[in-house]
Amino acid sequence: DQEYETGWLTNININQYEQIATADITIRIIAREPGLKGLVNGIPAIAAQPGQMVTLHNVGVDSTGKFLFSIQDGAGFSFRGGIESYEVTNPF
């Protein structure tokens, strides 16, 4: 129930051995450069223009138990994991 505007958020652990069925994590990215392309499982799948917001809903691990999210200057973002859905919007 906390939202981080800036800063670092590290070490998100989803302990599957505890049989957690879901994790309510949402990731929001605002594009600052033209042609932001998000990689999902290594494949460019999400595109956004400057000022648009990409929202990844109900983020968790993929079928192999992996979760990775990183942002690279000029290259967009890379995500490996599971999501319920995503959207690209124009925030006000």
PDB file of N, CA and C in Angstrom:
ATOM      1  N   ASP A   1       0.817  -1.208   0.000  1.00  0.00           N
ATOM      2  CA  ASP A   1       0.000   0.000   0.000  1.00  0.00           C
ATOM      3  C   ASP A   1       0.853   1.260   0.000  1.00  0.00           C
ATOM      4  N   GLN A   2       2.079   1.179  -0.490  1.00  0.00           N
ATOM      5  CA  GLN A   2       2.928   2.362  -0.567  1.00  0.00           C
ATOM      6  C   GLN A   2       3.279   2.629  -2.015  1.00  0.00           C
ATOM      7  N   GLU A   3       3.366   3.905  -2.368  1.00  0.00           N
ATOM      8  CA  GLU A   3       3.728   4.294  -3.717  1.00  0.00           C
ATOM      9  C   GLU A   3       5.015   5.083  -3.653  1.00  0.00           C
ATOM     10  N   TYR A   4       5.978   4.718  -4.492  1.00  0.00           N
ATOM     11  CA  TYR A   4       7.269   5.383  -4.542  1.00  0.00           C
ATOM     12  C   TYR A   4       7.341   6.215  -5.809  1.00  0.00           C
ATOM     13  N   GLU A   5       7.556   7.514  -5.673  1.00  0.00           N
ATOM     14  CA  GLU A   5       7.682   8.405  -6.822  1.00  0.00           C
ATOM     15  C   GLU A   5       9.094   8.368  -7.375  1.00  0.00           C
ATOM     16  N   THR A   6      10.090   8.378  -6.489  1.00  0.00           N
ATOM     17  CA  THR A   6      11.486   8.328  -6.913  1.00  0.00           C
ATOM     18  C   THR A   6      12.264   7.489  -5.913  1.00  0.00           C
ATOM     19  N   GLY A   7      13.463   7.143  -6.292  1.00  0.00           N
ATOM     20  CA  GLY A   7      14.313   6.407  -5.366  1.00  0.00           C
ATOM     21  C   GLY A   7      14.463   4.965  -5.780  1.00  0.00           C
ATOM     22  N   TRP A   8      15.005   4.177  -4.872  1.00  0.00           N
ATOM     23  CA  TRP A   8      15.300   2.780  -5.140  1.00  0.00           C
ATOM     24  C   TRP A   8      14.370   1.884  -4.344  1.00  0.00           C
ATOM     25  N   LEU A   9      13.871   0.884  -4.994  1.00  0.00           N
ATOM     26  CA  LEU A   9      13.113  -0.159  -4.326  1.00  0.00           C
ATOM     27  C   LEU A   9      13.780  -1.467  -4.714  1.00  0.00           C
ATOM     28  N   THR A  10      14.388  -2.137  -3.766  1.00  0.00           N
ATOM     29  CA  THR A  10      15.157  -3.339  -4.082  1.00  0.00           C
ATOM     30  C   THR A  10      14.700  -4.510  -3.234  1.00  0.00           C
ATOM     31  N   ASN A  11      15.123  -5.674  -3.656  1.00  0.00           N
ATOM     32  CA  ASN A  11      14.893  -6.905  -2.902  1.00  0.00           C
ATOM     33  C   ASN A  11      13.420  -7.186  -2.651  1.00  0.00           C
ATOM     34  N   ILE A  12      12.666  -7.292  -3.741  1.00  0.00           N
ATOM     35  CA  ILE A  12      11.281  -7.731  -3.622  1.00  0.00           C
ATOM     36  C   ILE A  12      11.309  -9.245  -3.682  1.00  0.00           C
ATOM     37  N   ASN A  13      10.956  -9.881  -2.606  1.00  0.00           N
ATOM     38  CA  ASN A  13      10.961 -11.345  -2.555  1.00  0.00           C
ATOM     39  C   ASN A  13       9.537 -11.862  -2.498  1.00  0.00           C
ATOM     40  N   ILE A  14       9.223 -12.763  -3.424  1.00  0.00           N
ATOM     41  CA  ILE A  14       7.929 -13.434  -3.411  1.00  0.00           C
ATOM     42  C   ILE A  14       8.229 -14.893  -3.098  1.00  0.00           C
ATOM     43  N   ASN A  15       7.971 -15.291  -1.892  1.00  0.00           N
ATOM     44  CA  ASN A  15       8.357 -16.620  -1.411  1.00  0.00           C
ATOM     45  C   ASN A  15       7.351 -17.665  -1.854  1.00  0.00           C
ATOM     46  N   GLN A  16       7.662 -18.352  -2.949  1.00  0.00           N
ATOM     47  CA  GLN A  16       6.730 -19.345  -3.474  1.00  0.00           C
ATOM     48  C   GLN A  16       6.576 -20.540  -2.541  1.00  0.00           C
ATOM     49  N   TYR A  17       7.603 -20.816  -1.747  1.00  0.00           N
ATOM     50  CA  TYR A  17       7.487 -21.941  -0.835  1.00  0.00           C
ATOM     51  C   TYR A  17       6.426 -21.698   0.222  1.00  0.00           C
ATOM     52  N   GLU A  18       6.023 -20.451   0.396  1.00  0.00           N
ATOM     53  CA  GLU A  18       4.930 -20.116   1.320  1.00  0.00           C
ATOM     54  C   GLU A  18       3.576 -20.250   0.628  1.00  0.00           C
ATOM     55  N   GLN A  19       3.594 -20.633  -0.641  1.00  0.00           N
ATOM     56  CA  GLN A  19       2.388 -20.848  -1.452  1.00  0.00           C
ATOM     57  C   GLN A  19       1.543 -19.592  -1.578  1.00  0.00           C
ATOM     58  N   ILE A  20       2.219 -18.461  -1.801  1.00  0.00           N
ATOM     59  CA  ILE A  20       1.500 -17.216  -2.070  1.00  0.00           C
ATOM     60  C   ILE A  20       0.919 -17.305  -3.469  1.00  0.00           C
ATOM     61  N   ALA A  21      -0.363 -17.049  -3.599  1.00  0.00           N
ATOM     62  CA  ALA A  21      -1.022 -17.210  -4.889  1.00  0.00           C
ATOM     63  C   ALA A  21      -0.819 -15.995  -5.794  1.00  0.00           C
ATOM     64  N   THR A  22      -0.718 -14.815  -5.200  1.00  0.00           N
ATOM     65  CA  THR A  22      -0.601 -13.615  -6.015  1.00  0.00           C
ATOM     66  C   THR A  22       0.119 -12.534  -5.236  1.00  0.00           C
ATOM     67  N   ALA A  23       0.682 -11.576  -5.951  1.00  0.00           N
ATOM     68  CA  ALA A  23       1.321 -10.419  -5.326  1.00  0.00           C
ATOM     69  C   ALA A  23       0.769  -9.181  -6.005  1.00  0.00           C
ATOM     70  N   ASP A  24       0.326  -8.219  -5.233  1.00  0.00           N
ATOM     71  CA  ASP A  24      -0.269  -7.011  -5.791  1.00  0.00           C
ATOM     72  C   ASP A  24       0.809  -5.946  -5.950  1.00  0.00           C
ATOM     73  N   ILE A  25       1.603  -6.078  -7.019  1.00  0.00           N
ATOM     74  CA  ILE A  25       2.652  -5.108  -7.316  1.00  0.00           C
ATOM     75  C   ILE A  25       2.330  -4.475  -8.659  1.00  0.00           C
ATOM     76  N   THR A  26       2.350  -3.148  -8.704  1.00  0.00           N
ATOM     77  CA  THR A  26       2.110  -2.415  -9.945  1.00  0.00           C
ATOM     78  C   THR A  26       3.345  -1.585 -10.247  1.00  0.00           C
ATOM     79  N   ILE A  27       3.812  -1.644 -11.485  1.00  0.00           N
ATOM     80  CA  ILE A  27       4.967  -0.847 -11.917  1.00  0.00           C
ATOM     81  C   ILE A  27       4.475   0.168 -12.937  1.00  0.00           C
ATOM     82  N   ARG A  28       4.823   1.449 -12.706  1.00  0.00           N
ATOM     83  CA  ARG A  28       4.457   2.525 -13.633  1.00  0.00           C
ATOM     84  C   ARG A  28       5.733   3.180 -14.139  1.00  0.00           C
ATOM     85  N   ILE A  29       5.836   3.344 -15.465  1.00  0.00           N
ATOM     86  CA  ILE A  29       6.996   3.963 -16.096  1.00  0.00           C
ATOM     87  C   ILE A  29       6.500   5.103 -16.971  1.00  0.00           C
ATOM     88  N   ILE A  30       7.079   6.292 -16.842  1.00  0.00           N
ATOM     89  CA  ILE A  30       6.753   7.399 -17.735  1.00  0.00           C
ATOM     90  C   ILE A  30       7.886   7.547 -18.739  1.00  0.00           C
ATOM     91  N   ALA A  31       7.535   7.470 -20.020  1.00  0.00           N
ATOM     92  CA  ALA A  31       8.541   7.577 -21.080  1.00  0.00           C
ATOM     93  C   ALA A  31       9.062   9.008 -21.158  1.00  0.00           C
ATOM     94  N   ARG A  32      10.377   9.171 -21.267  1.00  0.00           N
ATOM     95  CA  ARG A  32      10.987  10.493 -21.396  1.00  0.00           C
ATOM     96  C   ARG A  32      11.662  10.657 -22.751  1.00  0.00           C
ATOM     97  N   GLU A  33      11.844   9.554 -23.483  1.00  0.00           N
ATOM     98  CA  GLU A  33      12.484   9.593 -24.788  1.00  0.00           C
ATOM     99  C   GLU A  33      11.535   8.989 -25.815  1.00  0.00           C
ATOM    100  N   PRO A  34      11.645   9.415 -27.083  1.00  0.00           N
ATOM    101  CA  PRO A  34      10.770   8.826 -28.103  1.00  0.00           C
ATOM    102  C   PRO A  34      11.077   7.349 -28.305  1.00  0.00           C
ATOM    103  N   GLY A  35      10.037   6.592 -28.592  1.00  0.00           N
ATOM    104  CA  GLY A  35      10.207   5.195 -28.952  1.00  0.00           C
ATOM    105  C   GLY A  35      10.587   4.267 -27.823  1.00  0.00           C
ATOM    106  N   LEU A  36      10.151   4.545 -26.585  1.00  0.00           N
ATOM    107  CA  LEU A  36      10.426   3.616 -25.483  1.00  0.00           C
ATOM    108  C   LEU A  36       9.833   2.266 -25.844  1.00  0.00           C
ATOM    109  N   LYS A  37      10.652   1.246 -25.823  1.00  0.00           N
ATOM    110  CA  LYS A  37      10.180  -0.102 -26.122  1.00  0.00           C
ATOM    111  C   LYS A  37      10.445  -0.981 -24.919  1.00  0.00           C
ATOM    112  N   GLY A  38       9.415  -1.605 -24.434  1.00  0.00           N
ATOM    113  CA  GLY A  38       9.567  -2.507 -23.297  1.00  0.00           C
ATOM    114  C   GLY A  38       9.714  -3.932 -23.773  1.00  0.00           C
ATOM    115  N   LEU A  39      10.717  -4.594 -23.247  1.00  0.00           N
ATOM    116  CA  LEU A  39      10.912  -5.999 -23.562  1.00  0.00           C
ATOM    117  C   LEU A  39      10.160  -6.836 -22.548  1.00  0.00           C
ATOM    118  N   VAL A  40       9.378  -7.773 -23.017  1.00  0.00           N
ATOM    119  CA  VAL A  40       8.711  -8.734 -22.152  1.00  0.00           C
ATOM    120  C   VAL A  40       9.193 -10.099 -22.592  1.00  0.00           C
ATOM    121  N   ASN A  41       9.877 -10.787 -21.679  1.00  0.00           N
ATOM    122  CA  ASN A  41      10.507 -12.067 -21.992  1.00  0.00           C
ATOM    123  C   ASN A  41      11.433 -11.949 -23.192  1.00  0.00           C
ATOM    124  N   GLY A  42      12.155 -10.835 -23.279  1.00  0.00           N
ATOM    125  CA  GLY A  42      13.154 -10.638 -24.316  1.00  0.00           C
ATOM    126  C   GLY A  42      12.615 -10.186 -25.652  1.00  0.00           C
ATOM    127  N   ILE A  43      11.313 -10.023 -25.779  1.00  0.00           N
ATOM    128  CA  ILE A  43      10.693  -9.622 -27.037  1.00  0.00           C
ATOM    129  C   ILE A  43      10.098  -8.232 -26.879  1.00  0.00           C
ATOM    130  N   PRO A  44      10.440  -7.271 -27.802  1.00  0.00           N
ATOM    131  CA  PRO A  44       9.824  -5.937 -27.707  1.00  0.00           C
ATOM    132  C   PRO A  44       8.305  -6.044 -27.835  1.00  0.00           C
ATOM    133  N   ALA A  45       7.602  -5.700 -26.774  1.00  0.00           N
ATOM    134  CA  ALA A  45       6.162  -5.916 -26.756  1.00  0.00           C
ATOM    135  C   ALA A  45       5.360  -4.670 -26.405  1.00  0.00           C
ATOM    136  N   ILE A  46       5.974  -3.689 -25.764  1.00  0.00           N
ATOM    137  CA  ILE A  46       5.242  -2.513 -25.298  1.00  0.00           C
ATOM    138  C   ILE A  46       5.963  -1.279 -25.812  1.00  0.00           C
ATOM    139  N   ALA A  47       5.250  -0.380 -26.480  1.00  0.00           N
ATOM    140  CA  ALA A  47       5.857   0.845 -27.008  1.00  0.00           C
ATOM    141  C   ALA A  47       5.137   2.053 -26.427  1.00  0.00           C
ATOM    142  N   ALA A  48       5.905   3.112 -26.111  1.00  0.00           N
ATOM    143  CA  ALA A  48       5.323   4.341 -25.572  1.00  0.00           C
ATOM    144  C   ALA A  48       6.086   5.542 -26.117  1.00  0.00           C
ATOM    145  N   GLN A  49       5.400   6.649 -26.216  1.00  0.00           N
ATOM    146  CA  GLN A  49       5.982   7.901 -26.669  1.00  0.00           C
ATOM    147  C   GLN A  49       6.243   8.802 -25.459  1.00  0.00           C
ATOM    148  N   PRO A  50       7.054   9.870 -25.628  1.00  0.00           N
ATOM    149  CA  PRO A  50       7.355  10.754 -24.492  1.00  0.00           C
ATOM    150  C   PRO A  50       6.095  11.247 -23.790  1.00  0.00           C
ATOM    151  N   GLY A  51       6.109  11.162 -22.472  1.00  0.00           N
ATOM    152  CA  GLY A  51       4.989  11.608 -21.655  1.00  0.00           C
ATOM    153  C   GLY A  51       3.959  10.533 -21.379  1.00  0.00           C
ATOM    154  N   GLN A  52       3.975   9.456 -22.152  1.00  0.00           N
ATOM    155  CA  GLN A  52       3.021   8.383 -21.903  1.00  0.00           C
ATOM    156  C   GLN A  52       3.472   7.532 -20.725  1.00  0.00           C
ATOM    157  N   MET A  53       2.493   6.946 -20.048  1.00  0.00           N
ATOM    158  CA  MET A  53       2.781   6.094 -18.905  1.00  0.00           C
ATOM    159  C   MET A  53       2.475   4.644 -19.254  1.00  0.00           C
ATOM    160  N   VAL A  54       3.413   3.759 -18.943  1.00  0.00           N
ATOM    161  CA  VAL A  54       3.214   2.324 -19.082  1.00  0.00           C
ATOM    162  C   VAL A  54       2.945   1.776 -17.686  1.00  0.00           C
ATOM    163  N   THR A  55       1.863   1.045 -17.538  1.00  0.00           N
ATOM    164  CA  THR A  55       1.517   0.450 -16.254  1.00  0.00           C
ATOM    165  C   THR A  55       1.454  -1.059 -16.407  1.00  0.00           C
ATOM    166  N   LEU A  56       2.224  -1.763 -15.595  1.00  0.00           N
ATOM    167  CA  LEU A  56       2.200  -3.218 -15.541  1.00  0.00           C
ATOM    168  C   LEU A  56       1.404  -3.611 -14.298  1.00  0.00           C
ATOM    169  N   HIS A  57       0.298  -4.301 -14.501  1.00  0.00           N
ATOM    170  CA  HIS A  57      -0.607  -4.646 -13.400  1.00  0.00           C
ATOM    171  C   HIS A  57      -0.346  -6.048 -12.856  1.00  0.00           C
ATOM    172  N   ASN A  58      -0.449  -6.180 -11.537  1.00  0.00           N
ATOM    173  CA  ASN A  58      -0.351  -7.447 -10.832  1.00  0.00           C
ATOM    174  C   ASN A  58       0.905  -8.218 -11.254  1.00  0.00           C
ATOM    175  N   VAL A  59       2.033  -7.595 -10.985  1.00  0.00           N
ATOM    176  CA  VAL A  59       3.337  -8.137 -11.377  1.00  0.00           C
ATOM    177  C   VAL A  59       3.749  -9.263 -10.436  1.00  0.00           C
ATOM    178  N   GLY A  60       4.321 -10.291 -10.994  1.00  0.00           N
ATOM    179  CA  GLY A  60       4.819 -11.401 -10.193  1.00  0.00           C
ATOM    180  C   GLY A  60       5.860 -12.182 -10.967  1.00  0.00           C
ATOM    181  N   VAL A  61       6.150 -13.354 -10.501  1.00  0.00           N
ATOM    182  CA  VAL A  61       7.155 -14.194 -11.156  1.00  0.00           C
ATOM    183  C   VAL A  61       6.557 -14.877 -12.382  1.00  0.00           C
ATOM    184  N   ASP A  62       7.450 -15.315 -13.299  1.00  0.00           N
ATOM    185  CA  ASP A  62       6.981 -16.071 -14.462  1.00  0.00           C
ATOM    186  C   ASP A  62       6.865 -17.552 -14.093  1.00  0.00           C
ATOM    187  N   SER A  63       6.597 -18.390 -15.091  1.00  0.00           N
ATOM    188  CA  SER A  63       6.365 -19.813 -14.818  1.00  0.00           C
ATOM    189  C   SER A  63       7.610 -20.531 -14.291  1.00  0.00           C
ATOM    190  N   THR A  64       8.789 -19.919 -14.482  1.00  0.00           N
ATOM    191  CA  THR A  64      10.018 -20.525 -13.964  1.00  0.00           C
ATOM    192  C   THR A  64      10.426 -19.930 -12.619  1.00  0.00           C
ATOM    193  N   GLY A  65       9.600 -19.022 -12.082  1.00  0.00           N
ATOM    194  CA  GLY A  65       9.905 -18.408 -10.792  1.00  0.00           C
ATOM    195  C   GLY A  65      10.827 -17.214 -10.882  1.00  0.00           C
ATOM    196  N   LYS A  66      11.033 -16.649 -12.094  1.00  0.00           N
ATOM    197  CA  LYS A  66      11.943 -15.512 -12.284  1.00  0.00           C
ATOM    198  C   LYS A  66      11.181 -14.199 -12.286  1.00  0.00           C
ATOM    199  N   PHE A  67      11.840 -13.162 -11.756  1.00  0.00           N
ATOM    200  CA  PHE A  67      11.307 -11.805 -11.781  1.00  0.00           C
ATOM    201  C   PHE A  67      12.475 -10.855 -11.955  1.00  0.00           C
ATOM    202  N   LEU A  68      12.466 -10.085 -13.042  1.00  0.00           N
ATOM    203  CA  LEU A  68      13.526  -9.122 -13.304  1.00  0.00           C
ATOM    204  C   LEU A  68      12.917  -7.892 -13.951  1.00  0.00           C
ATOM    205  N   PHE A  69      13.274  -6.725 -13.441  1.00  0.00           N
ATOM    206  CA  PHE A  69      12.822  -5.469 -14.038  1.00  0.00           C
ATOM    207  C   PHE A  69      13.988  -4.506 -14.013  1.00  0.00           C
ATOM    208  N   SER A  70      14.334  -3.958 -15.167  1.00  0.00           N
ATOM    209  CA  SER A  70      15.420  -2.979 -15.218  1.00  0.00           C
ATOM    210  C   SER A  70      15.119  -1.935 -16.278  1.00  0.00           C
ATOM    211  N   ILE A  71      15.662  -0.735 -16.070  1.00  0.00           N
ATOM    212  CA  ILE A  71      15.507   0.373 -17.010  1.00  0.00           C
ATOM    213  C   ILE A  71      16.891   0.786 -17.467  1.00  0.00           C
ATOM    214  N   GLN A  72      17.074   0.937 -18.782  1.00  0.00           N
ATOM    215  CA  GLN A  72      18.349   1.363 -19.336  1.00  0.00           C
ATOM    216  C   GLN A  72      18.136   2.663 -20.108  1.00  0.00           C
ATOM    217  N   ASP A  73      18.998   3.668 -19.877  1.00  0.00           N
ATOM    218  CA  ASP A  73      18.906   4.933 -20.616  1.00  0.00           C
ATOM    219  C   ASP A  73      18.999   4.663 -22.108  1.00  0.00           C
ATOM    220  N   GLY A  74      18.061   5.216 -22.853  1.00  0.00           N
ATOM    221  CA  GLY A  74      18.083   5.097 -24.300  1.00  0.00           C
ATOM    222  C   GLY A  74      17.644   3.755 -24.837  1.00  0.00           C
ATOM    223  N   ALA A  75      17.391   2.784 -23.964  1.00  0.00           N
ATOM    224  CA  ALA A  75      17.027   1.455 -24.447  1.00  0.00           C
ATOM    225  C   ALA A  75      15.664   0.988 -23.937  1.00  0.00           C
ATOM    226  N   GLY A  76      15.000   1.795 -23.140  1.00  0.00           N
ATOM    227  CA  GLY A  76      13.712   1.387 -22.616  1.00  0.00           C
ATOM    228  C   GLY A  76      13.846   0.537 -21.377  1.00  0.00           C
ATOM    229  N   PHE A  77      12.911  -0.401 -21.212  1.00  0.00           N
ATOM    230  CA  PHE A  77      12.956  -1.238 -20.028  1.00  0.00           C
ATOM    231  C   PHE A  77      12.863  -2.703 -20.418  1.00  0.00           C
ATOM    232  N   SER A  78      13.361  -3.524 -19.545  1.00  0.00           N
ATOM    233  CA  SER A  78      13.323  -4.968 -19.747  1.00  0.00           C
ATOM    234  C   SER A  78      12.595  -5.584 -18.564  1.00  0.00           C
ATOM    235  N   PHE A  79      11.722  -6.514 -18.860  1.00  0.00           N
ATOM    236  CA  PHE A  79      10.942  -7.145 -17.807  1.00  0.00           C
ATOM    237  C   PHE A  79      10.872  -8.644 -18.068  1.00  0.00           C
ATOM    238  N   ARG A  80      11.170  -9.419 -17.065  1.00  0.00           N
ATOM    239  CA  ARG A  80      10.937 -10.850 -17.124  1.00  0.00           C
ATOM    240  C   ARG A  80      10.137 -11.213 -15.892  1.00  0.00           C
ATOM    241  N   GLY A  81       8.980 -11.720 -16.104  1.00  0.00           N
ATOM    242  CA  GLY A  81       8.106 -12.065 -15.004  1.00  0.00           C
ATOM    243  C   GLY A  81       6.711 -12.293 -15.550  1.00  0.00           C
ATOM    244  N   GLY A  82       5.752 -12.250 -14.672  1.00  0.00           N
ATOM    245  CA  GLY A  82       4.367 -12.416 -15.084  1.00  0.00           C
ATOM    246  C   GLY A  82       3.593 -11.143 -14.790  1.00  0.00           C
ATOM    247  N   ILE A  83       2.670 -10.802 -15.662  1.00  0.00           N
ATOM    248  CA  ILE A  83       1.771  -9.681 -15.411  1.00  0.00           C
ATOM    249  C   ILE A  83       0.355 -10.113 -15.769  1.00  0.00           C
ATOM    250  N   GLU A  84      -0.596  -9.537 -15.067  1.00  0.00           N
ATOM    251  CA  GLU A  84      -1.992  -9.812 -15.388  1.00  0.00           C
ATOM    252  C   GLU A  84      -2.375  -9.061 -16.656  1.00  0.00           C
ATOM    253  N   SER A  85      -1.915  -7.795 -16.757  1.00  0.00           N
ATOM    254  CA  SER A  85      -2.211  -6.984 -17.932  1.00  0.00           C
ATOM    255  C   SER A  85      -1.289  -5.767 -17.931  1.00  0.00           C
ATOM    256  N   TYR A  86      -1.312  -5.023 -19.033  1.00  0.00           N
ATOM    257  CA  TYR A  86      -0.571  -3.768 -19.102  1.00  0.00           C
ATOM    258  C   TYR A  86      -1.372  -2.765 -19.913  1.00  0.00           C
ATOM    259  N   GLU A  87      -1.052  -1.491 -19.721  1.00  0.00           N
ATOM    260  CA  GLU A  87      -1.702  -0.444 -20.509  1.00  0.00           C
ATOM    261  C   GLU A  87      -0.740   0.701 -20.722  1.00  0.00           C
ATOM    262  N   VAL A  88      -0.938   1.425 -21.820  1.00  0.00           N
ATOM    263  CA  VAL A  88      -0.186   2.622 -22.132  1.00  0.00           C
ATOM    264  C   VAL A  88      -1.174   3.769 -22.178  1.00  0.00           C
ATOM    265  N   THR A  89      -0.965   4.791 -21.335  1.00  0.00           N
ATOM    266  CA  THR A  89      -1.929   5.880 -21.224  1.00  0.00           C
ATOM    267  C   THR A  89      -1.231   7.234 -21.332  1.00  0.00           C
ATOM    268  N   ASN A  90      -2.030   8.264 -21.514  1.00  0.00           N
ATOM    269  CA  ASN A  90      -1.564   9.653 -21.510  1.00  0.00           C
ATOM    270  C   ASN A  90      -2.004  10.291 -20.199  1.00  0.00           C
ATOM    271  N   PRO A  91      -1.133  10.347 -19.184  1.00  0.00           N
ATOM    272  CA  PRO A  91      -1.553  10.931 -17.907  1.00  0.00           C
ATOM    273  C   PRO A  91      -1.782  12.426 -18.034  1.00  0.00           C
ATOM    274  N   PHE A  92      -2.589  12.953 -17.161  1.00  0.00           N
ATOM    275  CA  PHE A  92      -2.902  14.391 -17.191  1.00  0.00           C
ATOM    276  C   PHE A  92      -1.817  15.163 -16.501  1.00  0.00           C
TER     277      PHE A  92
END
